[in-house]
Protein backbone atom coordinates (compact mmCIF):
# COMPACT_ATOMS: atom_id res chain seq x y z
CA UNK A 1 41.76 -17.12 -16.93
CA UNK A 2 38.13 -17.88 -15.61
CA UNK A 3 35.77 -15.50 -13.92
CA UNK A 4 32.17 -14.49 -13.55
CA UNK A 5 31.37 -10.90 -14.18
CA UNK A 6 29.51 -9.37 -11.26
CA UNK A 7 28.42 -5.83 -12.11
CA UNK A 8 29.28 -4.04 -15.16
CA UNK A 9 29.05 -0.27 -16.63
CA UNK A 10 30.75 1.12 -13.01
CA UNK A 11 32.80 4.38 -13.40
CA UNK A 12 36.52 3.34 -12.56
CA UNK A 13 35.54 1.03 -9.81
CA UNK A 14 38.30 -0.07 -7.22
CA UNK A 15 38.41 -0.44 -3.47
CA UNK A 16 36.24 -3.90 -3.32
CA UNK A 17 35.32 -5.09 0.23
CA UNK A 18 33.67 -8.62 0.33
CA UNK A 19 30.66 -8.53 2.47
CA UNK A 20 29.10 -11.39 4.47
CA UNK A 21 25.77 -11.09 3.06
CA UNK A 22 27.47 -11.59 -0.32
CA UNK A 23 27.24 -8.35 -1.65
CA UNK A 24 30.58 -6.53 -2.14
CA UNK A 25 30.94 -2.44 -1.42
CA UNK A 26 33.43 -0.67 -3.88
CA UNK A 27 33.93 2.68 -4.82
CA UNK A 28 33.57 4.28 -8.14
CA UNK A 29 36.10 7.04 -8.73
CA UNK A 30 34.79 8.83 -11.79
CA UNK A 31 31.44 8.81 -10.44
CA UNK A 32 32.51 9.95 -6.91
CA UNK A 33 30.59 7.19 -5.36
CA UNK A 34 30.52 4.54 -2.70
CA UNK A 35 28.66 1.76 -3.96
CA UNK A 36 27.39 -1.69 -3.23
CA UNK A 37 27.02 -4.75 -5.89
CA UNK A 38 24.16 -6.52 -4.97
CA UNK A 39 22.42 -9.33 -7.54
CA UNK A 40 23.68 -7.93 -10.60
CA UNK A 41 22.66 -4.45 -9.38
CA UNK A 42 24.68 -1.52 -8.49
CA UNK A 43 23.17 0.96 -5.59
CA UNK A 44 24.50 3.72 -4.16
CA UNK A 45 25.64 4.12 -0.70
CA UNK A 46 26.81 7.41 -0.48
CA UNK A 47 27.56 10.12 -2.82
CA UNK A 48 31.03 11.49 -1.50
CA UNK A 49 32.05 13.49 -4.72
CA UNK A 50 35.69 14.16 -5.18
CA UNK A 51 37.32 11.05 -6.37
CA UNK A 52 37.14 7.95 -3.78
CA UNK A 53 39.34 5.52 -4.08
CA UNK A 54 40.31 2.82 -1.43
CA UNK A 55 37.83 1.48 1.03
CA UNK A 56 38.13 -0.52 4.47
CA UNK A 57 35.74 -1.83 7.33
CA UNK A 58 36.60 -0.37 10.18
CA UNK A 59 36.43 -1.99 13.96
CA UNK A 60 32.82 -0.01 14.38
CA UNK A 61 31.12 -1.41 10.99
CA UNK A 62 31.62 1.99 9.39
CA UNK A 63 33.58 2.13 5.69
CA UNK A 64 36.59 4.50 5.82
CA UNK A 65 37.41 5.80 2.49
CA UNK A 66 40.62 7.37 1.09
CA UNK A 67 39.39 10.04 -1.37
CA UNK A 68 41.94 11.47 -3.93
CA UNK A 69 39.74 14.53 -4.33
CA UNK A 70 39.07 14.01 -8.02
CA UNK A 71 40.36 16.19 -10.73
CA UNK A 72 40.96 14.20 -13.71
CA UNK A 73 42.72 11.31 -11.55
CA UNK A 74 41.07 8.15 -12.46
CA UNK A 75 39.12 9.74 -15.60
CA UNK A 76 36.78 11.93 -13.31
CA UNK A 77 35.44 14.95 -14.84
CA UNK A 78 34.95 17.32 -12.10
CA UNK A 79 37.67 19.99 -10.72
CA UNK A 80 39.53 18.56 -8.20
CA UNK A 81 38.56 19.29 -4.36
CA UNK A 82 40.62 18.71 -0.93
CA UNK A 83 41.28 14.88 -0.73
CA UNK A 84 40.80 13.34 2.51
CA UNK A 85 39.80 10.35 4.49
CA UNK A 86 35.96 9.99 4.96
CA UNK A 87 34.02 8.01 7.01
CA UNK A 88 30.52 6.54 5.93
CA UNK A 89 28.06 4.99 8.17
CA UNK A 90 26.62 1.96 6.18
CA UNK A 91 23.06 2.45 7.89
CA UNK A 92 22.43 5.94 7.16
CA UNK A 93 24.78 6.37 3.97
CA UNK A 94 26.10 9.76 5.84
CA UNK A 95 29.63 10.55 5.57
CA UNK A 96 31.94 12.87 7.54
CA UNK A 97 35.25 14.05 6.86
CA UNK A 98 37.95 12.42 9.20
CA UNK A 99 41.33 14.08 8.17
CA UNK A 100 42.21 16.52 5.61
CA UNK A 101 45.58 17.12 6.59
CA UNK A 102 48.51 15.61 8.59
CA UNK A 103 49.89 18.21 11.41
CA UNK A 104 50.34 21.51 9.36
CA UNK A 105 50.16 19.56 5.62
CA UNK A 106 47.41 19.15 3.78
CA UNK A 107 46.63 15.83 2.31
CA UNK A 108 47.21 15.54 -1.69
CA UNK A 109 45.34 12.09 -3.16
CA UNK A 110 44.74 10.04 -0.39
CA UNK A 111 44.76 6.53 -2.25
CA UNK A 112 44.32 3.19 0.02
CA UNK A 113 43.53 2.03 3.62
CA UNK A 114 44.08 -1.07 5.41
CA UNK A 115 42.99 -1.57 9.27
CA UNK A 116 45.52 -3.21 11.96
CA UNK A 117 44.10 -5.30 14.60
CA UNK A 118 44.33 -2.46 16.92
CA UNK A 119 41.76 -0.55 14.79
CA UNK A 120 44.06 2.20 13.93
CA UNK A 121 44.40 2.77 10.22
CA UNK A 122 47.38 2.91 7.99
CA UNK A 123 46.96 4.96 4.37
CA UNK A 124 48.87 6.23 1.52
CA UNK A 125 48.57 9.76 -0.20
CA UNK A 126 49.86 9.16 -4.09
CA UNK A 127 50.36 12.90 -4.73
CA UNK A 128 48.86 14.88 -7.53
CA UNK A 129 50.73 16.34 -10.61
CA UNK A 130 49.52 19.78 -11.84
CA UNK A 131 50.83 20.84 -15.06
CA UNK A 132 54.77 19.92 -14.83
CA UNK A 133 54.68 20.05 -11.03
CA UNK A 134 54.66 16.58 -9.18
CA UNK A 135 53.66 16.72 -5.46
CA UNK A 136 55.36 13.99 -3.66
CA UNK A 137 53.78 10.67 -1.68
CA UNK A 138 53.48 9.25 1.64
CA UNK A 139 52.31 6.36 3.99
CA UNK A 140 50.47 7.54 7.28
CA UNK A 141 49.09 6.16 10.48
CA UNK A 142 45.72 7.55 11.54
CA UNK A 143 42.76 6.59 14.46
CA UNK A 144 39.18 6.66 13.63
CA UNK A 145 38.50 9.28 16.23
CA UNK A 146 39.75 12.14 14.14
CA UNK A 147 42.59 12.86 16.50
CA UNK A 148 45.52 11.22 15.22
CA UNK A 149 47.52 11.00 12.04
CA UNK A 150 50.82 10.40 11.86
CA UNK A 151 53.32 10.68 8.63
CA UNK A 152 55.10 7.76 8.42
CA UNK A 153 56.97 8.21 5.47
CA UNK A 154 57.20 10.90 2.87
CA UNK A 155 59.26 11.52 -0.70
CA UNK A 156 57.74 8.21 -2.58
CA UNK A 157 57.17 8.09 -6.03
CA UNK A 158 53.02 7.64 -5.94
CA UNK A 159 52.62 5.20 -3.04
CA UNK A 160 49.40 3.61 -4.01
CA UNK A 161 48.03 0.00 -2.46
CA UNK A 162 48.77 -0.55 1.10
CA UNK A 163 48.41 -3.96 2.91
CA UNK A 164 50.09 -5.37 6.02
CA UNK A 165 51.53 -8.93 6.48
CA UNK A 166 49.43 -11.69 8.53
CA UNK A 167 51.72 -10.82 11.90
CA UNK A 168 51.21 -7.37 11.23
CA UNK A 169 55.58 -6.73 11.38
CA UNK A 170 55.56 -5.32 7.81
CA UNK A 171 53.35 -2.86 6.24
CA UNK A 172 53.32 -3.14 2.22
CA UNK A 173 53.20 -0.15 -0.51
CA UNK A 174 52.90 -0.57 -4.01
CA UNK A 175 54.73 2.29 -5.93
CA UNK A 176 53.06 3.07 -9.11
CA UNK A 177 55.37 4.55 -11.29
CA UNK A 178 58.65 2.44 -10.16
CA UNK A 179 56.64 -0.78 -10.28
CA UNK A 180 58.40 -1.36 -7.40
CA UNK A 181 56.71 -3.22 -4.23
CA UNK A 182 58.27 -1.28 -0.69
CA UNK A 183 58.12 -2.57 3.03
CA UNK A 184 58.15 -0.92 6.21
CA UNK A 185 59.04 -2.90 8.95
CA UNK A 186 57.03 -2.45 12.33
CA UNK A 187 58.05 -1.76 15.93
CA UNK A 188 54.50 -1.66 16.39
CA UNK A 189 50.89 -0.33 15.65
CA UNK A 190 51.70 2.69 13.47
CA UNK A 191 55.55 2.46 14.54
CA UNK A 192 58.40 1.88 11.83
CA UNK A 193 61.63 0.11 13.14
CA UNK A 194 64.54 2.72 13.97
CA UNK A 195 65.89 3.82 10.69
CA UNK A 196 63.05 2.31 8.71
CA UNK A 197 61.22 5.42 7.53
CA UNK A 198 62.25 5.18 3.94
CA UNK A 199 60.99 1.65 3.67
CA UNK A 200 63.22 -1.26 1.98
CA UNK A 201 62.91 -2.61 -1.55
CA UNK A 202 60.89 -5.91 -1.50
CA UNK A 203 60.89 -6.67 -5.46
CA UNK A 204 59.85 -5.08 -8.76
CA UNK A 205 57.57 -6.08 -11.69
CA UNK A 206 58.72 -7.95 -14.31
CA UNK A 207 58.95 -5.70 -17.14
CA UNK A 208 57.26 -2.52 -17.20
CA UNK A 209 54.55 -2.12 -15.01
CA UNK A 210 52.29 0.47 -13.08
CA UNK A 211 51.29 -0.76 -9.83
CA UNK A 212 47.73 0.03 -8.58
CA UNK A 213 46.14 -1.44 -5.13
CA UNK A 214 46.92 -4.98 -3.22
CA UNK A 215 45.79 -7.37 -0.86
CA UNK A 216 47.74 -10.27 0.90
CA UNK A 217 47.30 -13.89 0.95
CA UNK A 218 46.91 -16.24 4.27
CA UNK A 219 50.68 -17.27 3.23
CA UNK A 220 51.93 -13.84 3.10
CA UNK A 221 52.46 -13.23 -0.29
CA UNK A 222 51.38 -10.08 -1.65
CA UNK A 223 48.90 -9.87 -4.86
CA UNK A 224 49.55 -6.44 -6.68
CA UNK A 225 47.15 -5.08 -9.28
CA UNK A 226 49.31 -4.47 -12.06
CA UNK A 227 48.76 -2.04 -15.28
CA UNK A 228 48.54 -3.89 -18.00
CA UNK A 229 49.63 -7.30 -17.08
CA UNK A 230 46.65 -8.33 -14.35
CA UNK A 231 47.90 -9.46 -10.99
CA UNK A 232 51.31 -9.88 -9.98
CA UNK A 233 51.92 -12.14 -6.76
CA UNK A 234 54.99 -11.57 -5.22
CA UNK A 235 56.68 -13.02 -1.99
CA UNK A 236 58.08 -11.40 0.56
CA UNK A 237 61.45 -12.32 -0.92
CA UNK A 238 60.71 -10.48 -4.31
CA UNK A 239 59.86 -13.70 -6.79
CA UNK A 240 56.95 -12.80 -8.89
CA UNK A 241 54.68 -15.02 -10.77
CA UNK A 242 51.65 -12.99 -13.14
CA UNK A 243 48.07 -13.84 -13.55
CA UNK A 244 47.08 -12.08 -16.67
CA UNK A 245 43.81 -10.51 -17.17
CA UNK A 246 41.98 -9.21 -20.08
CA UNK A 247 41.64 -5.65 -19.16
CA UNK A 248 45.01 -3.42 -19.58
CA UNK A 249 43.78 -1.69 -15.89
CA UNK A 250 43.50 -4.17 -13.47
CA UNK A 251 43.18 -1.81 -10.43
CA UNK A 252 42.30 -3.68 -7.51
CA UNK A 253 41.86 -7.17 -5.60
CA UNK A 254 40.29 -8.47 -2.34
CA UNK A 255 39.38 -11.73 -1.16
CA UNK A 256 36.13 -13.64 0.46
CA UNK A 257 34.16 -16.59 0.69
CA UNK A 258 33.86 -19.51 3.09
CA UNK A 259 37.74 -20.50 2.30
CA UNK A 260 38.95 -17.26 1.32
CA UNK A 261 40.02 -18.28 -2.42
CA UNK A 262 37.42 -16.11 -3.89
CA UNK A 263 39.25 -13.02 -5.57
CA UNK A 264 37.18 -10.26 -6.24
CA UNK A 265 38.78 -8.08 -8.75
CA UNK A 266 38.28 -4.42 -10.37
CA UNK A 267 38.79 -4.32 -14.11
CA UNK A 268 38.74 -0.33 -14.44
CA UNK A 269 38.79 -0.08 -18.39
CA UNK A 270 36.38 -2.29 -18.89
CA UNK A 271 34.20 -1.05 -15.61
CA UNK A 272 33.41 -4.51 -14.31
CA UNK A 273 33.77 -6.43 -11.19
CA UNK A 274 34.61 -9.70 -11.61
CA UNK A 275 35.02 -12.96 -9.27
CA UNK A 276 37.41 -15.69 -9.74
CA UNK A 277 38.90 -18.88 -8.03
CA UNK A 278 42.52 -17.98 -6.24
CA UNK A 279 45.29 -20.69 -6.06
CA UNK A 280 45.74 -19.80 -2.28
CA UNK A 281 43.33 -18.37 0.42
CA UNK A 282 43.69 -14.43 0.91
CA UNK A 283 44.20 -13.00 4.48
CA UNK A 284 40.95 -12.23 6.16
CA UNK A 285 41.29 -8.90 6.94
CA UNK A 286 40.61 -7.23 10.35
CA UNK A 287 37.21 -6.20 10.96
CA UNK A 288 35.77 -7.94 7.72
CA UNK A 289 31.79 -8.53 8.05
């Protein structure tokens, strides 16, 4: 597939956000930063430390980051620190920690994040492997004031990417280790339907795949970064098609441009951010710049 390389030399990029000024804000997990790709250059917006993993623009114009805490996740050399949700003020570059636990339970390795139209956000906690022990994974809903974080589902196997359907009646999460897409049907903002906390299976990757982050198209199909295939596009009914890319670690995709058909994709094995034209327009995210 044909694409343009927008940035190179990135240290495990993920979490791209297409900005109105033409730049792309993303995380560099192994570097520990929130960065901006701008005219072929990379500028550090904030040195967060840990392992910034997923990022999204919030209703206040700040960037909210799911920080996995580092400690070897995605190749970071640093010792693990407490994972959590960070807020970064783009005007000042200053960060604050909003959440590092839900109830009395510490977060392990927050991974990805998406905002609903009400201004609350969904996020995943990937879990963490320590020696022969595996911490389980969860899906959560929180508010930007740091006052409320709810556990929606717990016990998954590597919940990674997360996204909302166009009507916001469904939140999707990609399970990395199983290569499955799980849907949670919603009764309202931050609320799953009765009996729906375990989610339901939408579909699975054809062949052996490790699902990473995802983005939703305007037509409701879900585009999932898939290792090593490239991007798997899955319909809400579970049908799949593949878009191969020349990188075994295609980790994330977001949409932008005037017609929302510019796909910005992170290729983390080769440390590149690329842009390509996509067959279908992406869903415009809430609060996108």
